[in-house]
Every structure is written in structure tokens, then in C-alpha cells.
Amino acid sequence: MPKYRLLSHEELQEFEKEFIDYLVVNGITGEDWGKIKEDNPKEAIKIMDLFSDVIFEAVMRKIDFLEIRTPNEVQTFQCNEKKLTMVGMKIDPNTEIDFTKPEDLEIAMSNPPGDIEVYTAARDYKLERELELFAMTENGARITDGQLFKALSLALADSADKK
């Protein structure tokens, strides 16, 4: 049973070279792979499941920041080794700003409206780190460079200093 999920056909195509290398490392030639797929499809799926786990594990280990955007809320996450730190901002649903539009997010960051709420939270992972990050990405979180997380963290720190 796979730890993550089977790569889609499109994802598998993106990792074709890595898959070939994976087969070679595991002593499976191109001819052997053809026979396995034809004669033992369950074994072929098991091999692809294991390869998928290798790929997803590598991707999840590299994640430092995630982000979830809806029209009225942005949640950014710093994914440390032991804990997940979230900084978010929320706006009144009746406003014309839509956080899913980059230009609106830019406006909100440079000239925040009065009804914007910036908040933070932190917690330990409930699951193994990589599994939790995988679940978040499968539910719509995007891997980012952390720029928005850092900007919101600074904004939160600045507002705390002014109080």
C-alpha cells in the first residue's frame, strides 16, 4: 500500500528519466519492465507505487512554505522540521478585494484596508511532517517561496510594536 498516492500518468511522464533510473537501480531492465507490465500488472502497480512514494517523499522534504488562498482569506505556512507556523489575513467578505487575484493581494499588502485582520498560530505536526504536508497540498495548498509568509510576519510584528 502506498504511503502517498500513485503518480498520475502526466506526473509519471514528467519523471520518466527518474523512473528509468529507479528501475535500473532495482535491477529491472526495459525488457523486464515490459514483461512485468504485461504478465503481472499487480506487480507493475506495486513498483509504480513505490516509485511514487520516493518522488513524493523527496518533494515533501524540500517544502519550506505553503499557502492557501480564498477570495477573503490567505493562510501562509512555514513548515519547520518539528512545527507548522501559520500567518494569515482575513478580510470582510463584502469588500471588493479578492485574495485569489495577485493584483488585489498586492493592493491589500501595500495599502491595507481597515477591516483586514492578520493573525498567527503554531502547532506541532499531527502526523509525520511529510504526510501532513502532502495532505495539505492534496487539499489545495500551494508550495511557495515564503515571500508572503515573511511579509505578513513583518506586518504582524510591526502592528504589535505600534501597540
C-alpha atoms as a PDB file:
ATOM      1  CA  MET A   1       0.000   0.000   0.000  1.00  0.00           C
ATOM      2  CA  PRO A   2       1.487   3.353  -0.994  1.00  0.00           C
ATOM      3  CA  LYS A   3       2.390   5.924   1.630  1.00  0.00           C
ATOM      4  CA  TYR A   4       1.164   8.770  -0.579  1.00  0.00           C
ATOM      5  CA  ARG A   5      -0.627   8.070  -3.863  1.00  0.00           C
ATOM      6  CA  LEU A   6       0.185   6.754  -7.286  1.00  0.00           C
ATOM      7  CA  LEU A   7       1.581   9.421  -9.582  1.00  0.00           C
ATOM      8  CA  SER A   8      -0.847  10.349 -12.337  1.00  0.00           C
ATOM      9  CA  HIS A   9       0.033   9.449 -15.906  1.00  0.00           C
ATOM     10  CA  GLU A  10       1.058  13.080 -16.559  1.00  0.00           C
ATOM     11  CA  GLU A  11       3.177  13.217 -13.387  1.00  0.00           C
ATOM     12  CA  LEU A  12       4.815   9.906 -14.268  1.00  0.00           C
ATOM     13  CA  GLN A  13       5.700  11.272 -17.712  1.00  0.00           C
ATOM     14  CA  GLU A  14       7.428  14.241 -16.039  1.00  0.00           C
ATOM     15  CA  PHE A  15       9.581  11.791 -14.069  1.00  0.00           C
ATOM     16  CA  GLU A  16      10.248   9.354 -16.911  1.00  0.00           C
ATOM     17  CA  LYS A  17      14.044   9.611 -16.649  1.00  0.00           C
ATOM     18  CA  GLU A  18      13.920   9.174 -12.859  1.00  0.00           C
ATOM     19  CA  PHE A  19      11.596   6.177 -13.269  1.00  0.00           C
ATOM     20  CA  ILE A  20      14.000   4.532 -15.709  1.00  0.00           C
ATOM     21  CA  ASP A  21      16.850   5.168 -13.253  1.00  0.00           C
ATOM     22  CA  TYR A  22      14.700   3.729 -10.452  1.00  0.00           C
ATOM     23  CA  LEU A  23      14.059   0.571 -12.468  1.00  0.00           C
ATOM     24  CA  VAL A  24      17.763   0.189 -13.285  1.00  0.00           C
ATOM     25  CA  VAL A  25      18.795   0.667  -9.641  1.00  0.00           C
ATOM     26  CA  ASN A  26      16.304  -2.055  -8.740  1.00  0.00           C
ATOM     27  CA  GLY A  27      17.723  -4.414 -11.378  1.00  0.00           C
ATOM     28  CA  ILE A  28      14.816  -4.105 -13.823  1.00  0.00           C
ATOM     29  CA  THR A  29      15.732  -3.696 -17.492  1.00  0.00           C
ATOM     30  CA  GLY A  30      13.435  -2.163 -20.100  1.00  0.00           C
ATOM     31  CA  GLU A  31      12.656  -5.653 -21.383  1.00  0.00           C
ATOM     32  CA  ASP A  32      11.924  -6.873 -17.839  1.00  0.00           C
ATOM     33  CA  TRP A  33       9.620  -3.900 -17.251  1.00  0.00           C
ATOM     34  CA  GLY A  34       7.679  -4.680 -20.420  1.00  0.00           C
ATOM     35  CA  LYS A  35       7.209  -8.287 -19.289  1.00  0.00           C
ATOM     36  CA  ILE A  36       6.181  -7.265 -15.768  1.00  0.00           C
ATOM     37  CA  LYS A  37       3.554  -4.849 -17.125  1.00  0.00           C
ATOM     38  CA  GLU A  38       2.177  -7.485 -19.473  1.00  0.00           C
ATOM     39  CA  ASP A  39       2.424 -10.614 -17.314  1.00  0.00           C
ATOM     40  CA  ASN A  40       1.983  -9.229 -13.812  1.00  0.00           C
ATOM     41  CA  PRO A  41       0.107  -5.892 -13.771  1.00  0.00           C
ATOM     42  CA  LYS A  42      -0.277  -6.023  -9.970  1.00  0.00           C
ATOM     43  CA  GLU A  43       3.498  -6.169  -9.596  1.00  0.00           C
ATOM     44  CA  ALA A  44       3.870  -3.279 -12.059  1.00  0.00           C
ATOM     45  CA  ILE A  45       1.478  -1.154  -9.994  1.00  0.00           C
ATOM     46  CA  LYS A  46       3.374  -2.093  -6.821  1.00  0.00           C
ATOM     47  CA  ILE A  47       6.626  -0.903  -8.431  1.00  0.00           C
ATOM     48  CA  MET A  48       4.959   2.341  -9.573  1.00  0.00           C
ATOM     49  CA  ASP A  49       3.524   2.829  -6.049  1.00  0.00           C
ATOM     50  CA  LEU A  50       6.996   2.501  -4.541  1.00  0.00           C
ATOM     51  CA  PHE A  51       8.443   4.907  -7.116  1.00  0.00           C
ATOM     52  CA  SER A  52       5.607   7.378  -6.452  1.00  0.00           C
ATOM     53  CA  ASP A  53       6.424   7.263  -2.735  1.00  0.00           C
ATOM     54  CA  VAL A  54      10.091   8.010  -3.472  1.00  0.00           C
ATOM     55  CA  ILE A  55       9.139  11.051  -5.573  1.00  0.00           C
ATOM     56  CA  PHE A  56       6.544  12.430  -3.156  1.00  0.00           C
ATOM     57  CA  GLU A  57       8.825  11.904  -0.162  1.00  0.00           C
ATOM     58  CA  ALA A  58      11.603  13.862  -1.893  1.00  0.00           C
ATOM     59  CA  VAL A  59       9.236  16.702  -2.833  1.00  0.00           C
ATOM     60  CA  MET A  60       7.672  16.917   0.635  1.00  0.00           C
ATOM     61  CA  ARG A  61      11.070  17.016   2.372  1.00  0.00           C
ATOM     62  CA  LYS A  62      12.011  20.104   0.338  1.00  0.00           C
ATOM     63  CA  ILE A  63       8.922  22.127   1.285  1.00  0.00           C
ATOM     64  CA  ASP A  64       9.630  25.156   3.433  1.00  0.00           C
ATOM     65  CA  PHE A  65       6.460  27.197   2.795  1.00  0.00           C
ATOM     66  CA  LEU A  66       2.853  26.549   1.769  1.00  0.00           C
ATOM     67  CA  GLU A  67      -0.021  28.904   1.025  1.00  0.00           C
ATOM     68  CA  ILE A  68      -3.799  28.654   0.762  1.00  0.00           C
ATOM     69  CA  ARG A  69      -5.801  31.475  -0.819  1.00  0.00           C
ATOM     70  CA  THR A  70      -9.519  32.060  -0.953  1.00  0.00           C
ATOM     71  CA  PRO A  71     -11.212  35.296  -2.030  1.00  0.00           C
ATOM     72  CA  ASN A  72     -11.444  36.530   1.582  1.00  0.00           C
ATOM     73  CA  GLU A  73      -8.545  34.814   3.326  1.00  0.00           C
ATOM     74  CA  VAL A  74      -4.894  33.928   2.866  1.00  0.00           C
ATOM     75  CA  GLN A  75      -3.097  31.419   5.059  1.00  0.00           C
ATOM     76  CA  THR A  76       0.665  31.063   4.727  1.00  0.00           C
ATOM     77  CA  PHE A  77       2.623  28.333   6.453  1.00  0.00           C
ATOM     78  CA  GLN A  78       6.255  27.927   7.390  1.00  0.00           C
ATOM     79  CA  CYS A  79       6.966  24.213   7.509  1.00  0.00           C
ATOM     80  CA  ASN A  80       9.756  23.686  10.007  1.00  0.00           C
ATOM     81  CA  GLU A  81      11.090  20.300  10.976  1.00  0.00           C
ATOM     82  CA  LYS A  82       9.009  19.978  14.154  1.00  0.00           C
ATOM     83  CA  LYS A  83       6.188  22.508  13.825  1.00  0.00           C
ATOM     84  CA  LEU A  84       3.918  24.311  11.410  1.00  0.00           C
ATOM     85  CA  THR A  85       3.634  28.090  11.810  1.00  0.00           C
ATOM     86  CA  MET A  86       0.757  29.888  10.134  1.00  0.00           C
ATOM     87  CA  VAL A  87       0.293  33.583   9.423  1.00  0.00           C
ATOM     88  CA  GLY A  88      -2.940  34.559   7.792  1.00  0.00           C
ATOM     89  CA  MET A  89      -5.044  37.510   6.864  1.00  0.00           C
ATOM     90  CA  LYS A  90      -8.760  37.777   6.545  1.00  0.00           C
ATOM     91  CA  ILE A  91     -10.962  40.479   5.095  1.00  0.00           C
ATOM     92  CA  ASP A  92     -14.652  41.252   5.250  1.00  0.00           C
ATOM     93  CA  PRO A  93     -16.461  39.211   2.563  1.00  0.00           C
ATOM     94  CA  ASN A  94     -18.292  42.353   1.401  1.00  0.00           C
ATOM     95  CA  THR A  95     -15.090  44.078   0.319  1.00  0.00           C
ATOM     96  CA  GLU A  96     -14.119  44.200  -3.331  1.00  0.00           C
ATOM     97  CA  ILE A  97     -10.673  42.723  -2.659  1.00  0.00           C
ATOM     98  CA  ASP A  98     -10.193  39.126  -3.816  1.00  0.00           C
ATOM     99  CA  PHE A  99      -7.039  37.464  -2.428  1.00  0.00           C
ATOM    100  CA  THR A 100      -7.013  34.934  -5.259  1.00  0.00           C
ATOM    101  CA  LYS A 101      -6.145  37.799  -7.643  1.00  0.00           C
ATOM    102  CA  PRO A 102      -2.456  38.758  -7.360  1.00  0.00           C
ATOM    103  CA  GLU A 103      -3.186  42.438  -8.063  1.00  0.00           C
ATOM    104  CA  ASP A 104      -5.753  42.578  -5.213  1.00  0.00           C
ATOM    105  CA  LEU A 105      -3.352  40.870  -2.836  1.00  0.00           C
ATOM    106  CA  GLU A 106      -0.701  43.424  -3.775  1.00  0.00           C
ATOM    107  CA  ILE A 107      -3.145  46.271  -3.034  1.00  0.00           C
ATOM    108  CA  ALA A 108      -4.055  44.741   0.338  1.00  0.00           C
ATOM    109  CA  MET A 109      -0.382  44.345   1.253  1.00  0.00           C
ATOM    110  CA  SER A 110       0.695  47.853   0.207  1.00  0.00           C
ATOM    111  CA  ASN A 111      -2.390  49.748   1.418  1.00  0.00           C
ATOM    112  CA  PRO A 112      -4.288  47.523   3.859  1.00  0.00           C
ATOM    113  CA  PRO A 113      -7.959  48.348   4.285  1.00  0.00           C
ATOM    114  CA  GLY A 114      -9.141  48.994   7.841  1.00  0.00           C
ATOM    115  CA  ASP A 115     -11.115  45.757   8.093  1.00  0.00           C
ATOM    116  CA  ILE A 116      -8.190  43.440   7.444  1.00  0.00           C
ATOM    117  CA  GLU A 117      -7.272  41.024  10.220  1.00  0.00           C
ATOM    118  CA  VAL A 118      -3.789  39.493  10.424  1.00  0.00           C
ATOM    119  CA  TYR A 119      -3.386  36.510  12.745  1.00  0.00           C
ATOM    120  CA  THR A 120      -0.952  33.734  13.558  1.00  0.00           C
ATOM    121  CA  ALA A 121      -0.840  30.265  15.081  1.00  0.00           C
ATOM    122  CA  ALA A 122       1.687  27.484  15.510  1.00  0.00           C
ATOM    123  CA  ARG A 123       1.425  23.809  16.322  1.00  0.00           C
ATOM    124  CA  ASP A 124       3.342  20.567  16.189  1.00  0.00           C
ATOM    125  CA  TYR A 125       2.545  18.238  13.311  1.00  0.00           C
ATOM    126  CA  LYS A 126      -0.328  15.865  13.976  1.00  0.00           C
ATOM    127  CA  LEU A 127       1.072  13.324  11.520  1.00  0.00           C
ATOM    128  CA  GLU A 128       4.535  12.657  10.179  1.00  0.00           C
ATOM    129  CA  ARG A 129       5.674  16.008   8.702  1.00  0.00           C
ATOM    130  CA  GLU A 130       5.781  14.847   5.076  1.00  0.00           C
ATOM    131  CA  LEU A 131       2.383  13.134   5.296  1.00  0.00           C
ATOM    132  CA  GLU A 132       0.785  16.246   6.741  1.00  0.00           C
ATOM    133  CA  LEU A 133       2.314  18.491   4.080  1.00  0.00           C
ATOM    134  CA  PHE A 134       1.201  16.036   1.400  1.00  0.00           C
ATOM    135  CA  ALA A 135      -2.365  16.134   2.737  1.00  0.00           C
ATOM    136  CA  MET A 136      -2.269  19.932   2.697  1.00  0.00           C
ATOM    137  CA  THR A 137      -1.068  20.027  -0.917  1.00  0.00           C
ATOM    138  CA  GLU A 138      -3.682  17.490  -1.947  1.00  0.00           C
ATOM    139  CA  ASN A 139      -6.297  19.780  -0.373  1.00  0.00           C
ATOM    140  CA  GLY A 140      -5.212  22.866  -2.298  1.00  0.00           C
ATOM    141  CA  ALA A 141      -2.162  24.289  -0.521  1.00  0.00           C
ATOM    142  CA  ARG A 142       0.491  25.526  -2.942  1.00  0.00           C
ATOM    143  CA  ILE A 143       4.237  25.282  -2.430  1.00  0.00           C
ATOM    144  CA  THR A 144       5.700  28.813  -2.332  1.00  0.00           C
ATOM    145  CA  ASP A 145       8.946  30.672  -1.784  1.00  0.00           C
ATOM    146  CA  GLY A 146       7.736  32.130   1.521  1.00  0.00           C
ATOM    147  CA  GLN A 147       7.729  35.784   0.453  1.00  0.00           C
ATOM    148  CA  LEU A 148       4.115  36.323   1.527  1.00  0.00           C
ATOM    149  CA  PHE A 149       4.681  34.489   4.827  1.00  0.00           C
ATOM    150  CA  LYS A 150       7.648  36.763   5.566  1.00  0.00           C
ATOM    151  CA  ALA A 151       5.741  39.914   4.564  1.00  0.00           C
ATOM    152  CA  LEU A 152       2.760  39.025   6.743  1.00  0.00           C
ATOM    153  CA  SER A 153       5.061  38.129   9.642  1.00  0.00           C
ATOM    154  CA  LEU A 154       6.713  41.547   9.358  1.00  0.00           C
ATOM    155  CA  ALA A 155       3.322  43.281   9.173  1.00  0.00           C
ATOM    156  CA  LEU A 156       2.197  41.422  12.279  1.00  0.00           C
ATOM    157  CA  ALA A 157       5.403  42.312  14.121  1.00  0.00           C
ATOM    158  CA  ASP A 158       5.091  45.977  13.074  1.00  0.00           C
ATOM    159  CA  SER A 159       1.494  46.193  14.289  1.00  0.00           C
ATOM    160  CA  ALA A 160       2.483  44.594  17.603  1.00  0.00           C
ATOM    161  CA  ASP A 161       5.311  47.123  18.006  1.00  0.00           C
ATOM    162  CA  LYS A 162       2.894  50.010  17.452  1.00  0.00           C
ATOM    163  CA  LYS A 163       0.588  48.858  20.258  1.00  0.00           C
END
